[in-house]
Amino acid sequence: AFFTTEVSEESDRRTGLLVEFSDTDKIFTNPADERTENYVTGRFG
C-alpha cells in the first residue's frame, strides 16, 4: 500500500490518503498510480 497526505485548501489541515493498495510486487514493478511510481523510484519523498 502507498499512503500520502493532502492539505485542505480551506483549513490547511492534512488528511491521510490511501493512494494505492496491491501486492508488493505490483506496487514496485507496475504501479497503477503515477504518485506511487514517483515514490518507489525516488522522485518523491
PDB file of N, CA and C in Angstrom:
ATOM      1  N   ALA A   1       0.849  -1.187   0.000  1.00  0.00           N
ATOM      2  CA  ALA A   1       0.000   0.000   0.000  1.00  0.00           C
ATOM      3  C   ALA A   1       0.887   1.240   0.000  1.00  0.00           C
ATOM      4  N   PHE A   2       0.401   2.283  -0.584  1.00  0.00           N
ATOM      5  CA  PHE A   2       1.092   3.568  -0.573  1.00  0.00           C
ATOM      6  C   PHE A   2       0.132   4.622  -0.058  1.00  0.00           C
ATOM      7  N   PHE A   3       0.554   5.297   0.998  1.00  0.00           N
ATOM      8  CA  PHE A   3      -0.218   6.373   1.607  1.00  0.00           C
ATOM      9  C   PHE A   3       0.509   7.687   1.411  1.00  0.00           C
ATOM     10  N   THR A   4      -0.229   8.773   1.345  1.00  0.00           N
ATOM     11  CA  THR A   4       0.343  10.113   1.326  1.00  0.00           C
ATOM     12  C   THR A   4      -0.614  11.028   2.082  1.00  0.00           C
ATOM     13  N   THR A   5      -0.334  12.302   2.096  1.00  0.00           N
ATOM     14  CA  THR A   5      -1.242  13.259   2.731  1.00  0.00           C
ATOM     15  C   THR A   5      -1.631  14.336   1.735  1.00  0.00           C
ATOM     16  N   GLU A   6      -2.805  14.882   1.961  1.00  0.00           N
ATOM     17  CA  GLU A   6      -3.267  16.027   1.183  1.00  0.00           C
ATOM     18  C   GLU A   6      -3.540  17.158   2.160  1.00  0.00           C
ATOM     19  N   VAL A   7      -3.313  18.381   1.714  1.00  0.00           N
ATOM     20  CA  VAL A   7      -3.568  19.553   2.542  1.00  0.00           C
ATOM     21  C   VAL A   7      -4.854  20.209   2.060  1.00  0.00           C
ATOM     22  N   SER A   8      -5.777  20.426   2.988  1.00  0.00           N
ATOM     23  CA  SER A   8      -7.037  21.080   2.658  1.00  0.00           C
ATOM     24  C   SER A   8      -6.785  22.547   2.353  1.00  0.00           C
ATOM     25  N   GLU A   9      -7.348  23.022   1.257  1.00  0.00           N
ATOM     26  CA  GLU A   9      -7.181  24.431   0.892  1.00  0.00           C
ATOM     27  C   GLU A   9      -7.942  25.348   1.840  1.00  0.00           C
ATOM     28  N   GLU A  10      -9.038  24.848   2.422  1.00  0.00           N
ATOM     29  CA  GLU A  10      -9.849  25.683   3.306  1.00  0.00           C
ATOM     30  C   GLU A  10      -9.232  25.855   4.691  1.00  0.00           C
ATOM     31  N   SER A  11      -8.607  24.788   5.223  1.00  0.00           N
ATOM     32  CA  SER A  11      -8.164  24.857   6.612  1.00  0.00           C
ATOM     33  C   SER A  11      -6.682  24.577   6.817  1.00  0.00           C
ATOM     34  N   ASP A  12      -5.946  24.232   5.771  1.00  0.00           N
ATOM     35  CA  ASP A  12      -4.533  23.851   5.865  1.00  0.00           C
ATOM     36  C   ASP A  12      -4.311  22.600   6.704  1.00  0.00           C
ATOM     37  N   ARG A  13      -5.370  21.813   6.946  1.00  0.00           N
ATOM     38  CA  ARG A  13      -5.236  20.560   7.688  1.00  0.00           C
ATOM     39  C   ARG A  13      -4.792  19.458   6.733  1.00  0.00           C
ATOM     40  N   ARG A  14      -3.969  18.561   7.250  1.00  0.00           N
ATOM     41  CA  ARG A  14      -3.500  17.423   6.456  1.00  0.00           C
ATOM     42  C   ARG A  14      -4.388  16.213   6.740  1.00  0.00           C
ATOM     43  N   THR A  15      -4.698  15.486   5.677  1.00  0.00           N
ATOM     44  CA  THR A  15      -5.512  14.288   5.783  1.00  0.00           C
ATOM     45  C   THR A  15      -4.795  13.154   5.068  1.00  0.00           C
ATOM     46  N   GLY A  16      -4.766  11.982   5.709  1.00  0.00           N
ATOM     47  CA  GLY A  16      -4.153  10.824   5.083  1.00  0.00           C
ATOM     48  C   GLY A  16      -4.968  10.337   3.899  1.00  0.00           C
ATOM     49  N   LEU A  17      -4.271   9.801   2.900  1.00  0.00           N
ATOM     50  CA  LEU A  17      -4.919   9.339   1.681  1.00  0.00           C
ATOM     51  C   LEU A  17      -4.283   8.021   1.248  1.00  0.00           C
ATOM     52  N   LEU A  18      -5.110   6.991   1.081  1.00  0.00           N
ATOM     53  CA  LEU A  18      -4.628   5.731   0.524  1.00  0.00           C
ATOM     54  C   LEU A  18      -4.588   5.895  -0.988  1.00  0.00           C
ATOM     55  N   VAL A  19      -3.390   5.907  -1.544  1.00  0.00           N
ATOM     56  CA  VAL A  19      -3.221   6.134  -2.980  1.00  0.00           C
ATOM     57  C   VAL A  19      -3.384   4.832  -3.752  1.00  0.00           C
ATOM     58  N   GLU A  20      -2.771   3.769  -3.235  1.00  0.00           N
ATOM     59  CA  GLU A  20      -2.794   2.515  -3.977  1.00  0.00           C
ATOM     60  C   GLU A  20      -2.618   1.348  -3.015  1.00  0.00           C
ATOM     61  N   PHE A  21      -3.349   0.281  -3.279  1.00  0.00           N
ATOM     62  CA  PHE A  21      -3.274  -0.939  -2.484  1.00  0.00           C
ATOM     63  C   PHE A  21      -3.171  -2.121  -3.437  1.00  0.00           C
ATOM     64  N   SER A  22      -2.114  -2.906  -3.284  1.00  0.00           N
ATOM     65  CA  SER A  22      -1.924  -4.062  -4.159  1.00  0.00           C
ATOM     66  C   SER A  22      -0.835  -4.942  -3.566  1.00  0.00           C
ATOM     67  N   ASP A  23      -0.513  -6.039  -4.262  1.00  0.00           N
ATOM     68  CA  ASP A  23       0.608  -6.876  -3.855  1.00  0.00           C
ATOM     69  C   ASP A  23       1.897  -6.067  -3.955  1.00  0.00           C
ATOM     70  N   THR A  24       2.840  -6.371  -3.079  1.00  0.00           N
ATOM     71  CA  THR A  24       4.108  -5.643  -3.051  1.00  0.00           C
ATOM     72  C   THR A  24       4.795  -5.660  -4.412  1.00  0.00           C
ATOM     73  N   ASP A  25       4.823  -6.819  -5.053  1.00  0.00           N
ATOM     74  CA  ASP A  25       5.482  -6.930  -6.356  1.00  0.00           C
ATOM     75  C   ASP A  25       4.872  -5.964  -7.371  1.00  0.00           C
ATOM     76  N   LYS A  26       3.553  -5.873  -7.406  1.00  0.00           N
ATOM     77  CA  LYS A  26       2.889  -4.976  -8.356  1.00  0.00           C
ATOM     78  C   LYS A  26       3.177  -3.512  -8.023  1.00  0.00           C
ATOM     79  N   ILE A  27       3.170  -3.181  -6.741  1.00  0.00           N
ATOM     80  CA  ILE A  27       3.446  -1.795  -6.327  1.00  0.00           C
ATOM     81  C   ILE A  27       4.818  -1.354  -6.841  1.00  0.00           C
ATOM     82  N   PHE A  28       5.813  -2.247  -6.744  1.00  0.00           N
ATOM     83  CA  PHE A  28       7.175  -1.866  -7.112  1.00  0.00           C
ATOM     84  C   PHE A  28       7.508  -2.070  -8.586  1.00  0.00           C
ATOM     85  N   THR A  29       6.771  -2.924  -9.297  1.00  0.00           N
ATOM     86  CA  THR A  29       7.117  -3.182 -10.696  1.00  0.00           C
ATOM     87  C   THR A  29       6.144  -2.577 -11.696  1.00  0.00           C
ATOM     88  N   ASN A  30       4.885  -2.411 -11.298  1.00  0.00           N
ATOM     89  CA  ASN A  30       3.895  -1.885 -12.234  1.00  0.00           C
ATOM     90  C   ASN A  30       2.791  -1.146 -11.473  1.00  0.00           C
ATOM     91  N   PRO A  31       3.149  -0.053 -10.789  1.00  0.00           N
ATOM     92  CA  PRO A  31       2.133   0.665 -10.015  1.00  0.00           C
ATOM     93  C   PRO A  31       1.062   1.267 -10.921  1.00  0.00           C
ATOM     94  N   ALA A  32      -0.160   1.320 -10.410  1.00  0.00           N
ATOM     95  CA  ALA A  32      -1.280   1.851 -11.188  1.00  0.00           C
ATOM     96  C   ALA A  32      -1.369   3.372 -11.121  1.00  0.00           C
ATOM     97  N   ASP A  33      -0.780   3.960 -10.095  1.00  0.00           N
ATOM     98  CA  ASP A  33      -0.892   5.406  -9.887  1.00  0.00           C
ATOM     99  C   ASP A  33       0.480   6.062 -10.050  1.00  0.00           C
ATOM    100  N   GLU A  34       0.519   7.156 -10.764  1.00  0.00           N
ATOM    101  CA  GLU A  34       1.782   7.863 -11.019  1.00  0.00           C
ATOM    102  C   GLU A  34       2.453   8.310  -9.723  1.00  0.00           C
ATOM    103  N   ARG A  35       1.680   8.674  -8.710  1.00  0.00           N
ATOM    104  CA  ARG A  35       2.267   9.095  -7.427  1.00  0.00           C
ATOM    105  C   ARG A  35       3.018   7.947  -6.768  1.00  0.00           C
ATOM    106  N   THR A  36       2.493   6.736  -6.873  1.00  0.00           N
ATOM    107  CA  THR A  36       3.176   5.561  -6.333  1.00  0.00           C
ATOM    108  C   THR A  36       4.483   5.334  -7.078  1.00  0.00           C
ATOM    109  N   GLU A  37       4.437   5.398  -8.390  1.00  0.00           N
ATOM    110  CA  GLU A  37       5.651   5.215  -9.195  1.00  0.00           C
ATOM    111  C   GLU A  37       6.704   6.256  -8.831  1.00  0.00           C
ATOM    112  N   ASN A  38       6.300   7.499  -8.676  1.00  0.00           N
ATOM    113  CA  ASN A  38       7.238   8.554  -8.296  1.00  0.00           C
ATOM    114  C   ASN A  38       7.879   8.262  -6.948  1.00  0.00           C
ATOM    115  N   TYR A  39       7.124   7.725  -6.018  1.00  0.00           N
ATOM    116  CA  TYR A  39       7.663   7.419  -4.690  1.00  0.00           C
ATOM    117  C   TYR A  39       8.646   6.250  -4.750  1.00  0.00           C
ATOM    118  N   VAL A  40       8.257   5.150  -5.374  1.00  0.00           N
ATOM    119  CA  VAL A  40       9.123   3.963  -5.363  1.00  0.00           C
ATOM    120  C   VAL A  40      10.370   4.139  -6.221  1.00  0.00           C
ATOM    121  N   THR A  41      10.372   5.099  -7.131  1.00  0.00           N
ATOM    122  CA  THR A  41      11.569   5.355  -7.939  1.00  0.00           C
ATOM    123  C   THR A  41      12.411   6.508  -7.390  1.00  0.00           C
ATOM    124  N   GLY A  42      12.009   7.062  -6.246  1.00  0.00           N
ATOM    125  CA  GLY A  42      12.810   8.090  -5.594  1.00  0.00           C
ATOM    126  C   GLY A  42      12.581   9.504  -6.084  1.00  0.00           C
ATOM    127  N   ARG A  43      11.544   9.745  -6.853  1.00  0.00           N
ATOM    128  CA  ARG A  43      11.272  11.094  -7.346  1.00  0.00           C
ATOM    129  C   ARG A  43      10.364  11.889  -6.410  1.00  0.00           C
ATOM    130  N   PHE A  44       9.954  11.268  -5.318  1.00  0.00           N
ATOM    131  CA  PHE A  44       9.075  11.917  -4.338  1.00  0.00           C
ATOM    132  C   PHE A  44       9.397  11.323  -2.982  1.00  0.00           C
ATOM    133  N   GLY A  45       9.428  12.185  -1.945  1.00  0.00           N
ATOM    134  CA  GLY A  45       9.600  11.670  -0.588  1.00  0.00           C
ATOM    135  C   GLY A  45      10.946  11.583  -0.143  1.00  0.00           C
TER     136      GLY A  45
END
